[in-house]
């Protein structure tokens, strides 16, 4: 994997190539909601586009993977790359708000995402979907993506789907909430001087 932190612009470029996937990803925290997503997994394309738009990030993903087997390696490795890009983009995290909690409704569904940009990777996930598939996309891949994203970005991430009966709506609410919570947690608070932790480091 190669990565590059683009100075003070809070952005990063990641390239990851394995025997299973070949991914190029660029991510900007302080963007305008522009996405160029090509993963070979249509439902993931849709979710990443929502995440980008609602977080006001800039995200470009060009991924080729062994989707002839299934979506697992591609979804997992994009989560790894996006998490690593976020970590590189934030640098020492000076001046950020750090915490956020966001509820998002999507028709009958309600999802909540809570984030601590803590430097301590942890993931909690509470979701029960009515269907195991959305189109050809397995709902277990949502957990896989979010877990690897939290691990590689070194954030504490709690995701709760409180209720819903349409699986597409429930997952869509999760990705919208993720974008908005991450936008809030990574935003600069002018009242914060230095690192927002009594430890002096995140």
N, C-alpha and C. Protein backbone atom coordinates (compact mmCIF):
# COMPACT_ATOMS: atom_id res chain seq x y z
N UNK A 1 0.85 -1.19 0.00
CA UNK A 1 0.00 0.00 0.00
C UNK A 1 0.88 1.24 0.00
N UNK A 2 0.53 2.21 -0.78
CA UNK A 2 1.22 3.49 -0.76
C UNK A 2 0.22 4.56 -0.42
N UNK A 3 0.70 5.59 0.25
CA UNK A 3 -0.21 6.66 0.64
C UNK A 3 0.54 7.98 0.65
N UNK A 4 -0.21 9.06 0.50
CA UNK A 4 0.41 10.38 0.49
C UNK A 4 -0.52 11.37 1.16
N UNK A 5 -0.03 12.03 2.21
CA UNK A 5 -0.80 13.09 2.87
C UNK A 5 -0.50 14.40 2.14
N UNK A 6 -1.55 15.05 1.68
CA UNK A 6 -1.36 16.23 0.84
C UNK A 6 -1.29 17.51 1.69
N UNK A 7 -0.23 17.60 2.48
CA UNK A 7 0.03 18.83 3.24
C UNK A 7 -1.10 19.17 4.18
N UNK A 8 -1.56 20.44 4.13
CA UNK A 8 -2.60 20.92 5.02
C UNK A 8 -4.00 20.82 4.42
N UNK A 9 -4.14 20.15 3.31
CA UNK A 9 -5.45 20.09 2.65
C UNK A 9 -6.34 18.99 3.21
N UNK A 10 -5.86 18.24 4.16
CA UNK A 10 -6.60 17.14 4.78
C UNK A 10 -7.16 16.20 3.71
N UNK A 11 -6.24 15.67 2.94
CA UNK A 11 -6.60 14.71 1.91
C UNK A 11 -5.50 13.66 1.79
N UNK A 12 -5.82 12.56 1.15
CA UNK A 12 -4.84 11.49 0.98
C UNK A 12 -5.16 10.67 -0.25
N UNK A 13 -4.15 10.03 -0.77
CA UNK A 13 -4.29 9.11 -1.90
C UNK A 13 -3.72 7.76 -1.48
N UNK A 14 -4.47 6.72 -1.76
CA UNK A 14 -4.10 5.37 -1.36
C UNK A 14 -4.10 4.47 -2.59
N UNK A 15 -3.09 3.62 -2.67
CA UNK A 15 -3.08 2.57 -3.70
C UNK A 15 -2.81 1.25 -3.00
N UNK A 16 -3.63 0.26 -3.27
CA UNK A 16 -3.48 -1.06 -2.65
C UNK A 16 -3.70 -2.12 -3.72
N UNK A 17 -2.71 -2.99 -3.89
CA UNK A 17 -2.82 -4.04 -4.89
C UNK A 17 -2.44 -5.37 -4.24
N UNK A 18 -3.35 -6.32 -4.35
CA UNK A 18 -3.12 -7.67 -3.85
C UNK A 18 -3.46 -8.65 -4.96
N UNK A 19 -3.39 -9.94 -4.65
CA UNK A 19 -3.80 -10.94 -5.61
C UNK A 19 -5.31 -10.97 -5.81
N UNK A 20 -6.03 -10.24 -4.94
CA UNK A 20 -7.49 -10.25 -4.98
C UNK A 20 -8.10 -8.94 -5.47
N UNK A 21 -7.41 -7.82 -5.20
CA UNK A 21 -7.96 -6.51 -5.57
C UNK A 21 -6.85 -5.56 -6.03
N UNK A 22 -7.27 -4.57 -6.79
CA UNK A 22 -6.39 -3.48 -7.22
C UNK A 22 -7.20 -2.19 -7.05
N UNK A 23 -6.81 -1.39 -6.07
CA UNK A 23 -7.63 -0.24 -5.68
C UNK A 23 -6.79 1.03 -5.69
N UNK A 24 -7.36 2.06 -6.28
CA UNK A 24 -6.81 3.42 -6.18
C UNK A 24 -7.92 4.30 -5.60
N UNK A 25 -7.59 5.01 -4.54
CA UNK A 25 -8.60 5.80 -3.82
C UNK A 25 -8.01 7.13 -3.40
N UNK A 26 -8.77 8.20 -3.61
CA UNK A 26 -8.39 9.51 -3.09
C UNK A 26 -9.55 10.05 -2.27
N UNK A 27 -9.22 10.70 -1.16
CA UNK A 27 -10.24 11.16 -0.21
C UNK A 27 -9.86 12.53 0.31
N UNK A 28 -10.83 13.44 0.31
CA UNK A 28 -10.63 14.77 0.87
C UNK A 28 -11.66 15.05 1.93
N UNK A 29 -11.21 15.37 3.14
CA UNK A 29 -12.13 15.66 4.24
C UNK A 29 -12.90 16.94 3.97
N UNK A 30 -12.22 17.97 3.50
CA UNK A 30 -12.83 19.29 3.29
C UNK A 30 -13.23 19.46 1.83
N UNK A 31 -14.20 18.67 1.42
CA UNK A 31 -14.60 18.66 0.03
C UNK A 31 -15.92 19.36 -0.21
N UNK A 32 -16.59 18.94 -1.27
CA UNK A 32 -17.87 19.54 -1.63
C UNK A 32 -18.89 18.48 -2.05
N UNK A 33 -18.66 17.23 -1.63
CA UNK A 33 -19.61 16.17 -1.93
C UNK A 33 -19.47 15.56 -3.30
N UNK A 34 -18.29 15.66 -3.89
CA UNK A 34 -18.07 15.14 -5.24
C UNK A 34 -17.53 13.72 -5.16
N UNK A 35 -18.16 12.81 -5.88
CA UNK A 35 -17.71 11.42 -5.87
C UNK A 35 -17.56 10.88 -7.28
N UNK A 36 -16.56 10.06 -7.46
CA UNK A 36 -16.36 9.27 -8.68
C UNK A 36 -16.08 7.86 -8.22
N UNK A 37 -17.10 7.03 -8.24
CA UNK A 37 -17.02 5.71 -7.62
C UNK A 37 -17.19 4.61 -8.66
N UNK A 38 -16.21 3.74 -8.75
CA UNK A 38 -16.30 2.56 -9.63
C UNK A 38 -15.69 1.38 -8.88
N UNK A 39 -16.55 0.53 -8.33
CA UNK A 39 -16.07 -0.60 -7.52
C UNK A 39 -16.38 -1.95 -8.13
N UNK A 40 -17.27 -1.98 -9.11
CA UNK A 40 -17.76 -3.25 -9.62
C UNK A 40 -18.87 -3.85 -8.78
N UNK A 41 -19.22 -3.17 -7.69
CA UNK A 41 -20.29 -3.60 -6.79
C UNK A 41 -21.32 -2.47 -6.76
N UNK A 42 -22.38 -2.54 -7.56
CA UNK A 42 -23.28 -1.40 -7.73
C UNK A 42 -23.88 -0.85 -6.44
N UNK A 43 -24.30 -1.72 -5.53
CA UNK A 43 -24.90 -1.23 -4.28
C UNK A 43 -23.87 -0.47 -3.45
N UNK A 44 -22.62 -0.94 -3.42
CA UNK A 44 -21.57 -0.23 -2.70
C UNK A 44 -21.29 1.11 -3.36
N UNK A 45 -21.30 1.18 -4.68
CA UNK A 45 -21.16 2.46 -5.37
C UNK A 45 -22.19 3.46 -4.85
N UNK A 46 -23.43 3.00 -4.76
CA UNK A 46 -24.54 3.85 -4.31
C UNK A 46 -24.32 4.32 -2.88
N UNK A 47 -23.91 3.41 -1.99
CA UNK A 47 -23.71 3.77 -0.58
C UNK A 47 -22.53 4.74 -0.40
N UNK A 48 -21.46 4.54 -1.13
CA UNK A 48 -20.31 5.44 -1.04
C UNK A 48 -20.64 6.82 -1.59
N UNK A 49 -21.47 6.86 -2.61
CA UNK A 49 -21.91 8.14 -3.16
C UNK A 49 -22.73 8.90 -2.12
N UNK A 50 -23.63 8.20 -1.40
CA UNK A 50 -24.42 8.82 -0.34
C UNK A 50 -23.51 9.31 0.79
N UNK A 51 -22.59 8.49 1.21
CA UNK A 51 -21.63 8.83 2.27
C UNK A 51 -20.88 10.12 1.91
N UNK A 52 -20.42 10.20 0.68
CA UNK A 52 -19.65 11.35 0.22
C UNK A 52 -20.50 12.61 0.18
N UNK A 53 -21.69 12.49 -0.37
CA UNK A 53 -22.58 13.65 -0.50
C UNK A 53 -22.99 14.20 0.85
N UNK A 54 -23.37 13.34 1.75
CA UNK A 54 -23.87 13.79 3.05
C UNK A 54 -22.75 14.21 3.99
N UNK A 55 -21.53 13.73 3.74
CA UNK A 55 -20.39 14.17 4.54
C UNK A 55 -19.67 15.37 3.96
N UNK A 56 -20.07 15.78 2.74
CA UNK A 56 -19.39 16.88 2.05
C UNK A 56 -17.90 16.60 1.91
N UNK A 57 -17.60 15.33 1.60
CA UNK A 57 -16.23 14.94 1.31
C UNK A 57 -16.01 14.95 -0.20
N UNK A 58 -14.80 14.71 -0.63
CA UNK A 58 -14.50 14.36 -2.02
C UNK A 58 -13.92 12.96 -2.01
N UNK A 59 -14.46 12.08 -2.83
CA UNK A 59 -14.02 10.69 -2.83
C UNK A 59 -13.97 10.16 -4.26
N UNK A 60 -12.84 9.58 -4.59
CA UNK A 60 -12.69 8.90 -5.88
C UNK A 60 -12.19 7.48 -5.60
N UNK A 61 -12.89 6.51 -6.15
CA UNK A 61 -12.52 5.11 -5.97
C UNK A 61 -12.52 4.41 -7.31
N UNK A 62 -11.41 3.78 -7.66
CA UNK A 62 -11.32 2.94 -8.84
C UNK A 62 -10.84 1.57 -8.37
N UNK A 63 -11.76 0.61 -8.31
CA UNK A 63 -11.43 -0.69 -7.74
C UNK A 63 -11.75 -1.81 -8.72
N UNK A 64 -10.83 -2.73 -8.82
CA UNK A 64 -11.03 -3.96 -9.58
C UNK A 64 -10.73 -5.13 -8.66
N UNK A 65 -11.71 -6.01 -8.51
CA UNK A 65 -11.52 -7.13 -7.61
C UNK A 65 -12.10 -8.41 -8.16
N UNK A 66 -11.94 -9.47 -7.40
CA UNK A 66 -12.39 -10.80 -7.84
C UNK A 66 -13.88 -10.99 -7.54
N UNK A 67 -14.69 -10.09 -8.08
CA UNK A 67 -16.13 -10.16 -7.84
C UNK A 67 -16.78 -11.34 -8.56
N UNK A 68 -16.02 -12.01 -9.41
CA UNK A 68 -16.53 -13.25 -10.00
C UNK A 68 -16.67 -14.34 -8.93
N UNK A 69 -15.89 -14.20 -7.84
CA UNK A 69 -16.03 -15.11 -6.69
C UNK A 69 -17.18 -14.62 -5.81
N UNK A 70 -17.01 -13.42 -5.26
CA UNK A 70 -18.07 -12.70 -4.57
C UNK A 70 -17.56 -11.30 -4.28
N UNK A 71 -18.35 -10.50 -3.54
CA UNK A 71 -17.98 -9.10 -3.31
C UNK A 71 -17.03 -8.90 -2.15
N UNK A 72 -16.76 -9.97 -1.39
CA UNK A 72 -16.11 -9.83 -0.08
C UNK A 72 -14.78 -9.08 -0.14
N UNK A 73 -13.86 -9.54 -0.96
CA UNK A 73 -12.52 -8.94 -0.96
C UNK A 73 -12.55 -7.49 -1.40
N UNK A 74 -13.40 -7.17 -2.38
CA UNK A 74 -13.49 -5.79 -2.87
C UNK A 74 -14.05 -4.87 -1.80
N UNK A 75 -15.15 -5.28 -1.16
CA UNK A 75 -15.76 -4.45 -0.12
C UNK A 75 -14.80 -4.28 1.05
N UNK A 76 -14.19 -5.35 1.48
CA UNK A 76 -13.25 -5.31 2.61
C UNK A 76 -12.08 -4.38 2.31
N UNK A 77 -11.48 -4.52 1.14
CA UNK A 77 -10.28 -3.75 0.83
C UNK A 77 -10.58 -2.27 0.60
N UNK A 78 -11.77 -1.95 0.10
CA UNK A 78 -12.16 -0.54 -0.01
C UNK A 78 -12.34 0.06 1.38
N UNK A 79 -12.91 -0.71 2.31
CA UNK A 79 -12.99 -0.24 3.69
C UNK A 79 -11.62 0.02 4.28
N UNK A 80 -10.69 -0.86 4.01
CA UNK A 80 -9.30 -0.68 4.49
C UNK A 80 -8.71 0.60 3.90
N UNK A 81 -8.85 0.79 2.60
CA UNK A 81 -8.26 1.96 1.93
C UNK A 81 -8.91 3.26 2.39
N UNK A 82 -10.22 3.28 2.53
CA UNK A 82 -10.89 4.50 2.97
C UNK A 82 -10.51 4.83 4.41
N UNK A 83 -10.43 3.83 5.26
CA UNK A 83 -10.00 4.08 6.63
C UNK A 83 -8.59 4.62 6.70
N UNK A 84 -7.70 4.04 5.92
CA UNK A 84 -6.32 4.51 5.90
C UNK A 84 -6.23 5.93 5.36
N UNK A 85 -7.05 6.24 4.36
CA UNK A 85 -7.07 7.59 3.79
C UNK A 85 -7.55 8.61 4.83
N UNK A 86 -8.58 8.25 5.59
CA UNK A 86 -9.05 9.17 6.64
C UNK A 86 -7.97 9.41 7.68
N UNK A 87 -7.31 8.35 8.12
CA UNK A 87 -6.24 8.48 9.10
C UNK A 87 -5.13 9.40 8.60
N UNK A 88 -4.71 9.19 7.35
CA UNK A 88 -3.65 10.02 6.78
C UNK A 88 -4.11 11.47 6.62
N UNK A 89 -5.37 11.65 6.24
CA UNK A 89 -5.89 13.00 5.98
C UNK A 89 -5.90 13.86 7.24
N UNK A 90 -6.22 13.26 8.38
CA UNK A 90 -6.42 14.04 9.60
C UNK A 90 -5.12 14.41 10.31
N UNK A 91 -4.03 13.76 9.95
CA UNK A 91 -2.75 14.12 10.57
C UNK A 91 -2.81 13.95 12.08
N UNK A 92 -2.41 14.99 12.82
CA UNK A 92 -2.40 14.89 14.29
C UNK A 92 -3.76 15.23 14.91
N UNK A 93 -4.76 15.53 14.07
CA UNK A 93 -6.14 15.79 14.50
C UNK A 93 -6.29 17.08 15.30
N UNK A 94 -5.37 17.96 15.13
CA UNK A 94 -5.39 19.22 15.86
C UNK A 94 -6.65 20.03 15.54
N UNK A 95 -7.36 20.45 16.56
CA UNK A 95 -8.48 21.37 16.42
C UNK A 95 -9.81 20.75 16.04
N UNK A 96 -9.87 19.42 15.88
CA UNK A 96 -11.13 18.81 15.44
C UNK A 96 -12.12 18.71 16.61
N UNK A 97 -13.41 18.57 16.28
CA UNK A 97 -14.43 18.38 17.30
C UNK A 97 -14.31 17.02 17.97
N UNK A 98 -13.89 16.03 17.23
CA UNK A 98 -13.60 14.67 17.70
C UNK A 98 -14.83 13.79 17.83
N UNK A 99 -15.88 14.24 18.48
CA UNK A 99 -17.06 13.42 18.73
C UNK A 99 -18.23 13.84 17.85
N UNK A 100 -19.12 12.88 17.56
CA UNK A 100 -20.38 13.20 16.89
C UNK A 100 -21.35 12.06 17.08
N UNK A 101 -22.63 12.42 17.14
CA UNK A 101 -23.71 11.43 17.16
C UNK A 101 -24.82 11.94 16.26
N UNK A 102 -25.19 11.13 15.27
CA UNK A 102 -26.17 11.56 14.27
C UNK A 102 -27.24 10.48 14.08
N UNK A 103 -28.50 10.90 14.11
CA UNK A 103 -29.63 10.06 13.73
C UNK A 103 -30.06 10.44 12.32
N UNK A 104 -30.33 9.44 11.50
CA UNK A 104 -30.86 9.69 10.16
C UNK A 104 -32.07 8.78 9.92
N UNK A 105 -33.20 9.38 9.56
CA UNK A 105 -34.34 8.57 9.12
C UNK A 105 -34.29 8.36 7.61
N UNK A 106 -34.73 7.22 7.17
CA UNK A 106 -34.94 6.97 5.75
C UNK A 106 -36.30 6.30 5.64
N UNK A 107 -37.31 7.11 5.39
CA UNK A 107 -38.69 6.63 5.42
C UNK A 107 -38.97 5.95 6.76
N UNK A 108 -39.24 4.63 6.75
CA UNK A 108 -39.61 3.94 7.98
C UNK A 108 -38.41 3.53 8.84
N UNK A 109 -37.20 3.68 8.30
CA UNK A 109 -36.00 3.21 8.98
C UNK A 109 -35.32 4.35 9.75
N UNK A 110 -34.66 3.99 10.85
CA UNK A 110 -33.92 4.97 11.64
C UNK A 110 -32.58 4.38 12.04
N UNK A 111 -31.50 5.09 11.67
CA UNK A 111 -30.15 4.65 12.00
C UNK A 111 -29.43 5.73 12.79
N UNK A 112 -28.51 5.30 13.64
CA UNK A 112 -27.70 6.21 14.44
C UNK A 112 -26.24 5.81 14.31
N UNK A 113 -25.38 6.80 14.12
CA UNK A 113 -23.94 6.58 14.08
C UNK A 113 -23.28 7.50 15.09
N UNK A 114 -22.45 6.92 15.95
CA UNK A 114 -21.72 7.66 16.97
C UNK A 114 -20.23 7.45 16.72
N UNK A 115 -19.48 8.54 16.69
CA UNK A 115 -18.06 8.49 16.34
C UNK A 115 -17.22 9.20 17.39
N UNK A 116 -16.09 8.60 17.72
CA UNK A 116 -15.03 9.26 18.46
C UNK A 116 -13.75 9.07 17.64
N UNK A 117 -13.21 10.17 17.14
CA UNK A 117 -11.94 10.10 16.40
C UNK A 117 -10.84 10.02 17.45
N UNK A 118 -10.67 8.82 17.98
CA UNK A 118 -9.98 8.62 19.25
C UNK A 118 -8.55 8.14 19.14
N UNK A 119 -8.19 7.57 17.98
CA UNK A 119 -6.91 6.89 17.89
C UNK A 119 -6.98 5.47 18.43
N UNK A 120 -8.15 5.08 18.95
CA UNK A 120 -8.35 3.73 19.49
C UNK A 120 -9.43 3.04 18.65
N UNK A 121 -9.07 2.13 17.78
CA UNK A 121 -10.07 1.50 16.91
C UNK A 121 -10.99 0.57 17.68
N UNK A 122 -12.29 0.81 17.53
CA UNK A 122 -13.29 -0.06 18.14
C UNK A 122 -14.57 0.05 17.32
N UNK A 123 -15.29 -1.07 17.20
CA UNK A 123 -16.50 -1.09 16.40
C UNK A 123 -17.60 -1.86 17.12
N UNK A 124 -18.75 -1.21 17.26
CA UNK A 124 -19.96 -1.86 17.78
C UNK A 124 -21.06 -1.71 16.74
N UNK A 125 -21.80 -2.79 16.52
CA UNK A 125 -22.77 -2.84 15.42
C UNK A 125 -24.03 -3.53 15.90
N UNK A 126 -25.14 -2.82 15.83
CA UNK A 126 -26.43 -3.37 16.22
C UNK A 126 -27.40 -3.17 15.06
N UNK A 127 -27.60 -4.21 14.28
CA UNK A 127 -28.48 -4.12 13.12
C UNK A 127 -29.02 -5.49 12.78
N UNK A 128 -30.31 -5.57 12.57
CA UNK A 128 -30.95 -6.80 12.11
C UNK A 128 -31.79 -6.45 10.89
N UNK A 129 -31.41 -7.03 9.76
CA UNK A 129 -32.07 -6.70 8.51
C UNK A 129 -33.10 -7.77 8.14
N UNK A 130 -34.22 -7.35 7.56
CA UNK A 130 -35.24 -8.31 7.15
C UNK A 130 -34.78 -9.25 6.06
N UNK A 131 -33.83 -8.81 5.23
CA UNK A 131 -33.37 -9.60 4.10
C UNK A 131 -31.86 -9.75 4.16
N UNK A 132 -31.35 -10.87 3.69
CA UNK A 132 -29.90 -11.10 3.64
C UNK A 132 -29.26 -10.49 2.39
N UNK A 133 -30.08 -10.06 1.45
CA UNK A 133 -29.58 -9.52 0.20
C UNK A 133 -30.32 -8.23 -0.15
N UNK A 134 -29.58 -7.28 -0.76
CA UNK A 134 -30.19 -6.16 -1.46
C UNK A 134 -29.73 -6.30 -2.91
N UNK A 135 -30.61 -6.73 -3.77
CA UNK A 135 -30.17 -7.14 -5.10
C UNK A 135 -29.27 -8.35 -4.95
N UNK A 136 -28.02 -8.22 -5.39
CA UNK A 136 -27.05 -9.30 -5.22
C UNK A 136 -26.06 -9.01 -4.09
N UNK A 137 -26.27 -7.90 -3.38
CA UNK A 137 -25.34 -7.48 -2.33
C UNK A 137 -25.72 -8.12 -1.00
N UNK A 138 -24.77 -8.81 -0.39
CA UNK A 138 -25.02 -9.46 0.90
C UNK A 138 -24.95 -8.43 2.03
N UNK A 139 -25.97 -8.43 2.90
CA UNK A 139 -26.00 -7.45 3.99
C UNK A 139 -24.87 -7.65 4.98
N UNK A 140 -24.29 -8.84 5.06
CA UNK A 140 -23.16 -9.03 5.97
C UNK A 140 -21.94 -8.22 5.55
N UNK A 141 -21.91 -7.77 4.30
CA UNK A 141 -20.80 -6.95 3.83
C UNK A 141 -20.81 -5.54 4.44
N UNK A 142 -21.97 -5.10 4.93
CA UNK A 142 -22.02 -3.80 5.61
C UNK A 142 -21.15 -3.84 6.86
N UNK A 143 -21.30 -4.90 7.65
CA UNK A 143 -20.45 -5.08 8.83
C UNK A 143 -18.98 -5.15 8.44
N UNK A 144 -18.68 -5.91 7.40
CA UNK A 144 -17.28 -6.08 6.98
C UNK A 144 -16.65 -4.74 6.60
N UNK A 145 -17.38 -3.95 5.82
CA UNK A 145 -16.88 -2.65 5.39
C UNK A 145 -16.66 -1.72 6.59
N UNK A 146 -17.66 -1.59 7.44
CA UNK A 146 -17.58 -0.65 8.56
C UNK A 146 -16.51 -1.05 9.57
N UNK A 147 -16.40 -2.35 9.81
CA UNK A 147 -15.38 -2.83 10.75
C UNK A 147 -13.97 -2.51 10.25
N UNK A 148 -13.71 -2.78 8.99
CA UNK A 148 -12.37 -2.51 8.46
C UNK A 148 -12.12 -1.00 8.37
N UNK A 149 -13.14 -0.22 8.05
CA UNK A 149 -13.00 1.23 8.02
C UNK A 149 -12.64 1.78 9.41
N UNK A 150 -13.34 1.33 10.44
CA UNK A 150 -13.05 1.78 11.80
C UNK A 150 -11.65 1.37 12.24
N UNK A 151 -11.28 0.14 11.92
CA UNK A 151 -9.97 -0.38 12.32
C UNK A 151 -8.84 0.42 11.70
N UNK A 152 -8.92 0.65 10.39
CA UNK A 152 -7.83 1.31 9.69
C UNK A 152 -7.79 2.82 9.93
N UNK A 153 -8.92 3.42 10.23
CA UNK A 153 -8.94 4.86 10.52
C UNK A 153 -8.66 5.14 11.99
N UNK A 154 -8.64 4.08 12.79
CA UNK A 154 -8.39 4.17 14.23
C UNK A 154 -9.41 5.08 14.92
N UNK A 155 -10.69 4.86 14.57
CA UNK A 155 -11.77 5.57 15.23
C UNK A 155 -12.60 4.58 16.05
N UNK A 156 -13.31 5.10 17.04
CA UNK A 156 -14.35 4.34 17.72
C UNK A 156 -15.66 4.61 16.99
N UNK A 157 -16.30 3.55 16.53
CA UNK A 157 -17.50 3.67 15.70
C UNK A 157 -18.60 2.77 16.25
N UNK A 158 -19.73 3.39 16.59
CA UNK A 158 -20.91 2.65 17.01
C UNK A 158 -22.02 2.89 15.98
N UNK A 159 -22.60 1.82 15.48
CA UNK A 159 -23.67 1.91 14.49
C UNK A 159 -24.88 1.14 15.02
N UNK A 160 -26.01 1.83 15.08
CA UNK A 160 -27.24 1.22 15.58
C UNK A 160 -28.36 1.49 14.57
N UNK A 161 -28.96 0.42 14.08
CA UNK A 161 -30.18 0.56 13.29
C UNK A 161 -31.34 0.28 14.24
N UNK A 162 -32.06 1.32 14.61
CA UNK A 162 -33.08 1.19 15.64
C UNK A 162 -34.29 0.40 15.16
N UNK A 163 -34.69 0.64 13.91
CA UNK A 163 -35.81 -0.11 13.35
C UNK A 163 -35.91 0.16 11.86
N UNK A 164 -36.78 -0.60 11.21
CA UNK A 164 -37.02 -0.47 9.78
C UNK A 164 -37.53 -1.78 9.25
N UNK A 165 -38.14 -1.77 8.07
CA UNK A 165 -38.56 -3.03 7.47
C UNK A 165 -38.12 -3.16 6.02
N UNK A 166 -37.48 -2.14 5.48
CA UNK A 166 -36.91 -2.21 4.13
C UNK A 166 -35.39 -2.20 4.26
N UNK A 167 -34.76 -3.28 3.87
CA UNK A 167 -33.32 -3.43 4.09
C UNK A 167 -32.52 -2.34 3.38
N UNK A 168 -32.91 -2.01 2.16
CA UNK A 168 -32.23 -0.94 1.43
C UNK A 168 -32.30 0.37 2.22
N UNK A 169 -33.46 0.72 2.70
CA UNK A 169 -33.62 1.97 3.47
C UNK A 169 -32.75 1.95 4.73
N UNK A 170 -32.70 0.82 5.41
CA UNK A 170 -31.95 0.72 6.66
C UNK A 170 -30.46 0.93 6.44
N UNK A 171 -29.92 0.29 5.39
CA UNK A 171 -28.49 0.44 5.09
C UNK A 171 -28.20 1.85 4.57
N UNK A 172 -29.09 2.38 3.78
CA UNK A 172 -28.92 3.74 3.27
C UNK A 172 -28.86 4.74 4.43
N UNK A 173 -29.71 4.57 5.42
CA UNK A 173 -29.69 5.46 6.58
C UNK A 173 -28.35 5.37 7.31
N UNK A 174 -27.76 4.17 7.37
CA UNK A 174 -26.46 3.99 8.02
C UNK A 174 -25.39 4.80 7.30
N UNK A 175 -25.32 4.70 5.98
CA UNK A 175 -24.25 5.38 5.25
C UNK A 175 -24.43 6.90 5.24
N UNK A 176 -25.67 7.36 5.20
CA UNK A 176 -25.91 8.80 5.32
C UNK A 176 -25.49 9.31 6.70
N UNK A 177 -25.85 8.56 7.73
CA UNK A 177 -25.48 8.94 9.09
C UNK A 177 -23.97 8.90 9.29
N UNK A 178 -23.32 7.91 8.69
CA UNK A 178 -21.86 7.82 8.77
C UNK A 178 -21.21 9.06 8.17
N UNK A 179 -21.68 9.48 7.01
CA UNK A 179 -21.12 10.67 6.37
C UNK A 179 -21.30 11.91 7.21
N UNK A 180 -22.50 12.10 7.72
CA UNK A 180 -22.78 13.32 8.49
C UNK A 180 -22.07 13.32 9.85
N UNK A 181 -22.00 12.16 10.49
CA UNK A 181 -21.29 12.09 11.77
C UNK A 181 -19.80 12.31 11.59
N UNK A 182 -19.23 11.72 10.55
CA UNK A 182 -17.80 11.90 10.31
C UNK A 182 -17.49 13.34 9.94
N UNK A 183 -18.37 13.97 9.18
CA UNK A 183 -18.19 15.38 8.84
C UNK A 183 -18.14 16.23 10.11
N UNK A 184 -19.08 15.98 11.02
CA UNK A 184 -19.11 16.76 12.26
C UNK A 184 -17.89 16.49 13.13
N UNK A 185 -17.53 15.22 13.30
CA UNK A 185 -16.42 14.86 14.18
C UNK A 185 -15.08 15.38 13.69
N UNK A 186 -14.92 15.49 12.37
CA UNK A 186 -13.64 15.93 11.80
C UNK A 186 -13.60 17.43 11.53
N UNK A 187 -14.71 18.11 11.76
CA UNK A 187 -14.73 19.55 11.49
C UNK A 187 -13.88 20.29 12.52
N UNK A 188 -13.36 21.42 12.11
CA UNK A 188 -12.50 22.22 12.98
C UNK A 188 -13.37 23.10 13.88
N UNK A 189 -13.11 23.02 15.17
CA UNK A 189 -13.80 23.85 16.16
C UNK A 189 -12.86 24.98 16.55
N UNK A 190 -13.20 26.24 16.26
CA UNK A 190 -12.29 27.35 16.55
C UNK A 190 -12.00 27.52 18.05
N UNK A 191 -12.81 26.91 18.89
CA UNK A 191 -12.58 27.01 20.33
C UNK A 191 -11.52 26.03 20.82
N UNK A 192 -11.23 25.02 20.00
CA UNK A 192 -10.28 23.99 20.39
C UNK A 192 -8.87 24.43 20.03
N UNK A 193 -8.00 24.43 21.01
CA UNK A 193 -6.59 24.72 20.75
C UNK A 193 -5.81 23.42 20.93
N UNK A 194 -5.07 23.07 19.92
CA UNK A 194 -4.27 21.86 19.99
C UNK A 194 -5.09 20.61 19.82
N UNK A 195 -4.65 19.54 20.49
CA UNK A 195 -5.27 18.22 20.36
C UNK A 195 -6.41 18.10 21.36
N UNK A 196 -7.62 17.70 20.91
CA UNK A 196 -8.76 17.64 21.82
C UNK A 196 -8.74 16.39 22.72
N UNK A 197 -7.71 16.30 23.57
CA UNK A 197 -7.59 15.20 24.51
C UNK A 197 -6.67 15.62 25.65
N UNK A 198 -7.01 15.23 26.89
CA UNK A 198 -6.15 15.54 28.02
C UNK A 198 -4.83 14.78 27.92
N UNK A 199 -4.78 13.73 27.09
CA UNK A 199 -3.53 13.00 26.89
C UNK A 199 -2.55 13.79 26.03
N UNK A 200 -3.09 14.73 25.24
CA UNK A 200 -2.22 15.51 24.35
C UNK A 200 -1.96 14.85 23.03
N UNK A 201 -2.59 13.70 22.79
CA UNK A 201 -2.40 12.97 21.54
C UNK A 201 -3.64 12.13 21.26
N UNK A 202 -3.99 11.99 19.99
CA UNK A 202 -5.07 11.10 19.58
C UNK A 202 -4.52 10.11 18.57
